[in-house]
Amino acid sequence: MAVKTVNITVDPDDLEEFYRLASKKGIKFSTWVQVKMKEFIEEEKMIEEWRRERS
């Protein structure tokens, strides 16, 4: 899978807290964002499908 580099803006305090907590579990920020994006996409697809079926 090819990856694309993007710039995002996050609250620096939240980012530091994320790094502090995630590092204990070996989680990297980019990996976490990627997983959350995939979860969001799947949820939205399910909602779209549900709406189509109701119509």
C-alpha atoms as a PDB file:
ATOM      1  CA  MET A   1       0.000   0.000   0.000  1.00  0.00           C
ATOM      2  CA  ALA A   2       1.341   3.408  -0.952  1.00  0.00           C
ATOM      3  CA  VAL A   3       1.194   6.108   1.672  1.00  0.00           C
ATOM      4  CA  LYS A   4       0.762   9.832   1.319  1.00  0.00           C
ATOM      5  CA  THR A   5       2.394  12.341   3.614  1.00  0.00           C
ATOM      6  CA  VAL A   6       0.027  15.047   4.886  1.00  0.00           C
ATOM      7  CA  ASN A   7       0.304  17.881   7.363  1.00  0.00           C
ATOM      8  CA  ILE A   8      -2.264  18.118  10.142  1.00  0.00           C
ATOM      9  CA  THR A   9      -2.808  20.600  12.930  1.00  0.00           C
ATOM     10  CA  VAL A  10      -3.274  19.297  16.465  1.00  0.00           C
ATOM     11  CA  ASP A  11      -3.276  20.830  19.891  1.00  0.00           C
ATOM     12  CA  PRO A  12       0.297  20.498  21.189  1.00  0.00           C
ATOM     13  CA  ASP A  13      -0.850  19.583  24.709  1.00  0.00           C
ATOM     14  CA  ASP A  14      -3.107  16.829  23.369  1.00  0.00           C
ATOM     15  CA  LEU A  15      -0.322  15.546  21.144  1.00  0.00           C
ATOM     16  CA  GLU A  16       2.119  15.363  24.047  1.00  0.00           C
ATOM     17  CA  GLU A  17      -0.465  13.527  26.150  1.00  0.00           C
ATOM     18  CA  PHE A  18      -1.110  11.128  23.267  1.00  0.00           C
ATOM     19  CA  TYR A  19       2.615  10.466  22.873  1.00  0.00           C
ATOM     20  CA  ARG A  20       2.966   9.879  26.604  1.00  0.00           C
ATOM     21  CA  LEU A  21       0.117   7.369  26.726  1.00  0.00           C
ATOM     22  CA  ALA A  22       0.615   5.711  23.339  1.00  0.00           C
ATOM     23  CA  SER A  23       4.347   5.183  23.753  1.00  0.00           C
ATOM     24  CA  LYS A  24       3.642   2.838  26.657  1.00  0.00           C
ATOM     25  CA  LYS A  25       1.765   0.607  24.206  1.00  0.00           C
ATOM     26  CA  GLY A  26       4.111   1.048  21.263  1.00  0.00           C
ATOM     27  CA  ILE A  27       1.514   2.986  19.258  1.00  0.00           C
ATOM     28  CA  LYS A  28       2.709   5.564  16.759  1.00  0.00           C
ATOM     29  CA  PHE A  29       0.654   8.648  15.946  1.00  0.00           C
ATOM     30  CA  SER A  30       0.464   7.969  12.203  1.00  0.00           C
ATOM     31  CA  THR A  31      -0.596   4.363  12.770  1.00  0.00           C
ATOM     32  CA  TRP A  32      -3.320   5.455  15.174  1.00  0.00           C
ATOM     33  CA  VAL A  33      -4.625   8.091  12.744  1.00  0.00           C
ATOM     34  CA  GLN A  34      -4.681   5.535   9.942  1.00  0.00           C
ATOM     35  CA  VAL A  35      -6.664   3.045  12.039  1.00  0.00           C
ATOM     36  CA  LYS A  36      -9.146   5.732  13.108  1.00  0.00           C
ATOM     37  CA  MET A  37      -9.595   6.835   9.487  1.00  0.00           C
ATOM     38  CA  LYS A  38     -10.356   3.256   8.430  1.00  0.00           C
ATOM     39  CA  GLU A  39     -12.852   2.880  11.291  1.00  0.00           C
ATOM     40  CA  PHE A  40     -14.566   6.112  10.242  1.00  0.00           C
ATOM     41  CA  ILE A  41     -14.740   5.027   6.585  1.00  0.00           C
ATOM     42  CA  GLU A  42     -16.257   1.651   7.502  1.00  0.00           C
ATOM     43  CA  GLU A  43     -18.832   3.252   9.804  1.00  0.00           C
ATOM     44  CA  GLU A  44     -19.823   5.776   7.151  1.00  0.00           C
ATOM     45  CA  LYS A  45     -20.155   3.033   4.514  1.00  0.00           C
ATOM     46  CA  MET A  46     -22.432   1.064   6.832  1.00  0.00           C
ATOM     47  CA  ILE A  47     -24.573   4.153   7.440  1.00  0.00           C
ATOM     48  CA  GLU A  48     -24.805   4.828   3.682  1.00  0.00           C
ATOM     49  CA  GLU A  49     -25.796   1.221   3.019  1.00  0.00           C
ATOM     50  CA  TRP A  50     -28.402   1.308   5.770  1.00  0.00           C
ATOM     51  CA  ARG A  51     -29.892   4.512   4.332  1.00  0.00           C
ATOM     52  CA  ARG A  52     -30.005   3.006   0.811  1.00  0.00           C
ATOM     53  CA  GLU A  53     -31.789  -0.079   2.129  1.00  0.00           C
ATOM     54  CA  ARG A  54     -34.398   2.067   3.902  1.00  0.00           C
ATOM     55  CA  SER A  55     -35.225   3.997   0.718  1.00  0.00           C
END
